[in-house]
Amino acid sequence: MGILAWIVFGFIIGLLARAVVPGKQGMGLVMTTLLGIAGSLIGGIVASALSGGNTTGFQPSGFIGSLIGAVVLLLIAGFATRPRRRVA
C-alpha cells in the first residue's frame, strides 16, 4: 500500500474514531490523520494476527481492527490529557 493510501485511510479511520467516541476532541486534521494511521497499525496487525490473514492486503477484519485500535488510542489520549481535579 502506498504512502498516500496510508494517509487517506488513516484520515478516514481517524474521523470515524472521533465520531464514535463521545465528547470533544481538540485535535486538527493532522492529529486526526496520525491517530488513524497509528490505530491502523496497531489494530490492523492485531486483527490480522487473530484472524490469521495477511497484513498487507485489505480485509474487513483489518478495517474493523484499525477502527478499534484508533478508538482505543483516542480514549487513552483523552484520559491522559483531561484536567485533573484537586482533592481538598
N, C-alpha and C. Protein backbone atom coordinates (compact mmCIF):
# COMPACT_ATOMS: atom_id res chain seq x y z
N MET A 1 0.86 -1.16 0.00
CA MET A 1 0.00 0.00 0.00
C MET A 1 0.91 1.23 0.00
N GLY A 2 0.63 2.18 -0.84
CA GLY A 2 1.44 3.38 -0.95
C GLY A 2 1.23 4.33 0.22
N ILE A 3 2.16 5.26 0.35
CA ILE A 3 2.11 6.19 1.47
C ILE A 3 0.87 7.08 1.40
N LEU A 4 0.47 7.45 0.20
CA LEU A 4 -0.73 8.28 0.05
C LEU A 4 -1.98 7.51 0.48
N ALA A 5 -2.03 6.24 0.16
CA ALA A 5 -3.17 5.42 0.57
C ALA A 5 -3.21 5.28 2.10
N TRP A 6 -2.04 5.14 2.74
CA TRP A 6 -1.98 5.08 4.20
C TRP A 6 -2.50 6.37 4.82
N ILE A 7 -2.14 7.51 4.23
CA ILE A 7 -2.58 8.80 4.76
C ILE A 7 -4.08 8.95 4.63
N VAL A 8 -4.62 8.62 3.46
CA VAL A 8 -6.06 8.75 3.24
C VAL A 8 -6.83 7.77 4.13
N PHE A 9 -6.36 6.53 4.19
CA PHE A 9 -7.02 5.53 5.04
C PHE A 9 -6.94 5.94 6.50
N GLY A 10 -5.79 6.45 6.94
CA GLY A 10 -5.64 6.90 8.32
C GLY A 10 -6.56 8.06 8.65
N PHE A 11 -6.73 8.98 7.70
CA PHE A 11 -7.63 10.10 7.91
C PHE A 11 -9.07 9.63 8.07
N ILE A 12 -9.48 8.70 7.23
CA ILE A 12 -10.85 8.18 7.30
C ILE A 12 -11.07 7.44 8.62
N ILE A 13 -10.13 6.60 9.01
CA ILE A 13 -10.24 5.87 10.28
C ILE A 13 -10.24 6.84 11.45
N GLY A 14 -9.39 7.86 11.39
CA GLY A 14 -9.36 8.87 12.46
C GLY A 14 -10.68 9.61 12.59
N LEU A 15 -11.28 9.97 11.46
CA LEU A 15 -12.59 10.64 11.50
C LEU A 15 -13.66 9.73 12.09
N LEU A 16 -13.65 8.46 11.68
CA LEU A 16 -14.63 7.52 12.21
C LEU A 16 -14.44 7.31 13.71
N ALA A 17 -13.20 7.23 14.15
CA ALA A 17 -12.93 7.05 15.59
C ALA A 17 -13.40 8.26 16.37
N ARG A 18 -13.16 9.46 15.85
CA ARG A 18 -13.62 10.67 16.54
C ARG A 18 -15.14 10.75 16.55
N ALA A 19 -15.81 10.19 15.55
CA ALA A 19 -17.27 10.18 15.51
C ALA A 19 -17.84 9.19 16.51
N VAL A 20 -17.13 8.10 16.76
CA VAL A 20 -17.62 7.06 17.66
C VAL A 20 -17.46 7.48 19.13
N VAL A 21 -16.33 8.11 19.45
CA VAL A 21 -16.04 8.48 20.84
C VAL A 21 -16.80 9.76 21.18
N PRO A 22 -17.62 9.74 22.24
CA PRO A 22 -18.38 10.95 22.59
C PRO A 22 -17.47 12.01 23.21
N GLY A 23 -17.92 13.23 23.14
CA GLY A 23 -17.17 14.33 23.73
C GLY A 23 -16.38 15.09 22.68
N LYS A 24 -15.74 16.15 23.15
CA LYS A 24 -14.97 16.99 22.24
C LYS A 24 -13.50 16.57 22.27
N GLN A 25 -12.95 16.33 21.11
CA GLN A 25 -11.53 16.05 20.99
C GLN A 25 -10.88 17.25 20.31
N GLY A 26 -9.97 17.87 21.01
CA GLY A 26 -9.33 19.07 20.48
C GLY A 26 -8.14 18.73 19.60
N MET A 27 -8.39 18.22 18.42
CA MET A 27 -7.29 17.90 17.51
C MET A 27 -7.68 18.31 16.09
N GLY A 28 -6.69 18.66 15.33
CA GLY A 28 -6.91 19.09 13.96
C GLY A 28 -6.82 17.95 12.97
N LEU A 29 -6.69 18.30 11.71
CA LEU A 29 -6.65 17.29 10.64
C LEU A 29 -5.40 16.42 10.72
N VAL A 30 -4.26 17.05 11.03
CA VAL A 30 -3.02 16.28 11.09
C VAL A 30 -3.06 15.27 12.22
N MET A 31 -3.51 15.69 13.40
CA MET A 31 -3.59 14.76 14.53
C MET A 31 -4.63 13.67 14.30
N THR A 32 -5.72 14.02 13.62
CA THR A 32 -6.73 13.01 13.28
C THR A 32 -6.13 11.97 12.34
N THR A 33 -5.35 12.42 11.37
CA THR A 33 -4.70 11.50 10.44
C THR A 33 -3.69 10.62 11.15
N LEU A 34 -2.87 11.22 12.02
CA LEU A 34 -1.88 10.43 12.77
C LEU A 34 -2.56 9.43 13.69
N LEU A 35 -3.67 9.83 14.30
CA LEU A 35 -4.45 8.91 15.14
C LEU A 35 -4.93 7.72 14.32
N GLY A 36 -5.45 7.98 13.13
CA GLY A 36 -5.95 6.91 12.28
C GLY A 36 -4.84 5.99 11.79
N ILE A 37 -3.69 6.56 11.46
CA ILE A 37 -2.56 5.74 10.99
C ILE A 37 -2.05 4.86 12.12
N ALA A 38 -1.88 5.44 13.32
CA ALA A 38 -1.42 4.65 14.46
C ALA A 38 -2.43 3.56 14.83
N GLY A 39 -3.71 3.92 14.81
CA GLY A 39 -4.74 2.93 15.09
C GLY A 39 -4.77 1.83 14.04
N SER A 40 -4.52 2.19 12.80
CA SER A 40 -4.46 1.20 11.73
C SER A 40 -3.30 0.25 11.91
N LEU A 41 -2.17 0.79 12.29
CA LEU A 41 -1.00 -0.07 12.51
C LEU A 41 -1.25 -1.04 13.66
N ILE A 42 -1.70 -0.52 14.77
CA ILE A 42 -1.90 -1.36 15.96
C ILE A 42 -3.08 -2.32 15.76
N GLY A 43 -4.23 -1.78 15.42
CA GLY A 43 -5.42 -2.61 15.29
C GLY A 43 -5.38 -3.55 14.11
N GLY A 44 -4.80 -3.11 13.00
CA GLY A 44 -4.72 -3.96 11.82
C GLY A 44 -3.83 -5.17 12.03
N ILE A 45 -2.71 -4.95 12.71
CA ILE A 45 -1.80 -6.07 12.98
C ILE A 45 -2.43 -7.05 13.95
N VAL A 46 -3.08 -6.53 15.00
CA VAL A 46 -3.72 -7.42 15.97
C VAL A 46 -4.87 -8.19 15.32
N ALA A 47 -5.71 -7.51 14.55
CA ALA A 47 -6.84 -8.19 13.90
C ALA A 47 -6.37 -9.22 12.88
N SER A 48 -5.32 -8.91 12.14
CA SER A 48 -4.80 -9.87 11.18
C SER A 48 -4.17 -11.07 11.87
N ALA A 49 -3.52 -10.83 13.01
CA ALA A 49 -2.94 -11.93 13.76
C ALA A 49 -4.02 -12.85 14.32
N LEU A 50 -5.11 -12.26 14.79
CA LEU A 50 -6.20 -13.08 15.34
C LEU A 50 -6.95 -13.85 14.27
N SER A 51 -7.11 -13.23 13.09
CA SER A 51 -7.85 -13.90 12.03
C SER A 51 -6.96 -14.79 11.17
N GLY A 52 -5.66 -14.68 11.32
CA GLY A 52 -4.75 -15.50 10.54
C GLY A 52 -4.59 -15.03 9.11
N GLY A 53 -4.95 -13.78 8.84
CA GLY A 53 -4.87 -13.24 7.49
C GLY A 53 -3.55 -12.56 7.21
N ASN A 54 -3.46 -12.03 6.01
CA ASN A 54 -2.28 -11.32 5.55
C ASN A 54 -2.36 -9.87 6.03
N THR A 55 -1.24 -9.31 6.47
CA THR A 55 -1.25 -7.95 7.00
C THR A 55 -1.11 -6.90 5.91
N THR A 56 -0.80 -7.27 4.68
CA THR A 56 -0.58 -6.28 3.64
C THR A 56 -1.81 -6.00 2.79
N GLY A 57 -2.75 -6.89 2.72
CA GLY A 57 -3.94 -6.69 1.90
C GLY A 57 -5.09 -6.10 2.68
N PHE A 58 -6.11 -5.65 1.95
CA PHE A 58 -7.30 -5.11 2.60
C PHE A 58 -8.21 -6.26 2.99
N GLN A 59 -8.60 -6.25 4.25
CA GLN A 59 -9.53 -7.25 4.77
C GLN A 59 -10.51 -6.54 5.70
N PRO A 60 -11.74 -7.03 5.77
CA PRO A 60 -12.69 -6.42 6.70
C PRO A 60 -12.22 -6.49 8.15
N SER A 61 -11.55 -7.56 8.54
CA SER A 61 -11.05 -7.65 9.93
C SER A 61 -9.98 -6.60 10.17
N GLY A 62 -9.19 -6.29 9.18
CA GLY A 62 -8.18 -5.24 9.32
C GLY A 62 -8.81 -3.87 9.45
N PHE A 63 -9.89 -3.62 8.72
CA PHE A 63 -10.59 -2.35 8.80
C PHE A 63 -11.23 -2.17 10.18
N ILE A 64 -11.90 -3.21 10.65
CA ILE A 64 -12.54 -3.15 11.97
C ILE A 64 -11.48 -3.04 13.06
N GLY A 65 -10.40 -3.79 12.92
CA GLY A 65 -9.31 -3.72 13.89
C GLY A 65 -8.66 -2.35 13.90
N SER A 66 -8.54 -1.73 12.74
CA SER A 66 -7.98 -0.38 12.66
C SER A 66 -8.86 0.62 13.38
N LEU A 67 -10.16 0.49 13.19
CA LEU A 67 -11.10 1.39 13.87
C LEU A 67 -11.06 1.19 15.38
N ILE A 68 -11.03 -0.05 15.82
CA ILE A 68 -10.96 -0.33 17.26
C ILE A 68 -9.65 0.19 17.84
N GLY A 69 -8.55 -0.02 17.11
CA GLY A 69 -7.26 0.49 17.58
C GLY A 69 -7.25 2.00 17.70
N ALA A 70 -7.84 2.70 16.74
CA ALA A 70 -7.90 4.17 16.80
C ALA A 70 -8.79 4.64 17.92
N VAL A 71 -9.90 3.95 18.17
CA VAL A 71 -10.80 4.33 19.27
C VAL A 71 -10.08 4.15 20.61
N VAL A 72 -9.37 3.05 20.76
CA VAL A 72 -8.64 2.80 22.00
C VAL A 72 -7.57 3.88 22.20
N LEU A 73 -6.83 4.22 21.16
CA LEU A 73 -5.82 5.27 21.28
C LEU A 73 -6.45 6.61 21.62
N LEU A 74 -7.60 6.90 21.04
CA LEU A 74 -8.29 8.15 21.33
C LEU A 74 -8.77 8.19 22.78
N LEU A 75 -9.28 7.09 23.29
CA LEU A 75 -9.70 7.03 24.69
C LEU A 75 -8.52 7.19 25.63
N ILE A 76 -7.40 6.54 25.32
CA ILE A 76 -6.20 6.67 26.14
C ILE A 76 -5.71 8.11 26.13
N ALA A 77 -5.69 8.73 24.97
CA ALA A 77 -5.26 10.13 24.88
C ALA A 77 -6.21 11.05 25.64
N GLY A 78 -7.50 10.76 25.60
CA GLY A 78 -8.47 11.57 26.33
C GLY A 78 -8.28 11.47 27.84
N PHE A 79 -8.00 10.26 28.33
CA PHE A 79 -7.77 10.10 29.76
C PHE A 79 -6.45 10.72 30.19
N ALA A 80 -5.46 10.67 29.34
CA ALA A 80 -4.14 11.21 29.69
C ALA A 80 -4.12 12.73 29.69
N THR A 81 -4.95 13.36 28.87
CA THR A 81 -4.89 14.82 28.74
C THR A 81 -6.03 15.55 29.44
N ARG A 82 -6.94 14.85 30.07
CA ARG A 82 -8.04 15.54 30.73
C ARG A 82 -7.52 16.21 32.00
N PRO A 83 -8.11 17.34 32.36
CA PRO A 83 -7.66 18.04 33.56
C PRO A 83 -7.98 17.25 34.82
N ARG A 84 -7.07 17.30 35.74
CA ARG A 84 -7.25 16.58 37.00
C ARG A 84 -7.86 17.51 38.04
N ARG A 85 -8.78 16.96 38.85
CA ARG A 85 -9.38 17.75 39.92
C ARG A 85 -8.54 17.59 41.17
N ARG A 86 -8.37 18.67 41.85
CA ARG A 86 -7.62 18.64 43.11
C ARG A 86 -8.56 18.24 44.24
N VAL A 87 -8.08 17.39 45.07
CA VAL A 87 -8.84 16.97 46.24
C VAL A 87 -8.42 17.84 47.41
N ALA A 88 -9.36 18.52 48.00
CA ALA A 88 -9.02 19.44 49.09
C ALA A 88 -9.23 18.83 50.43
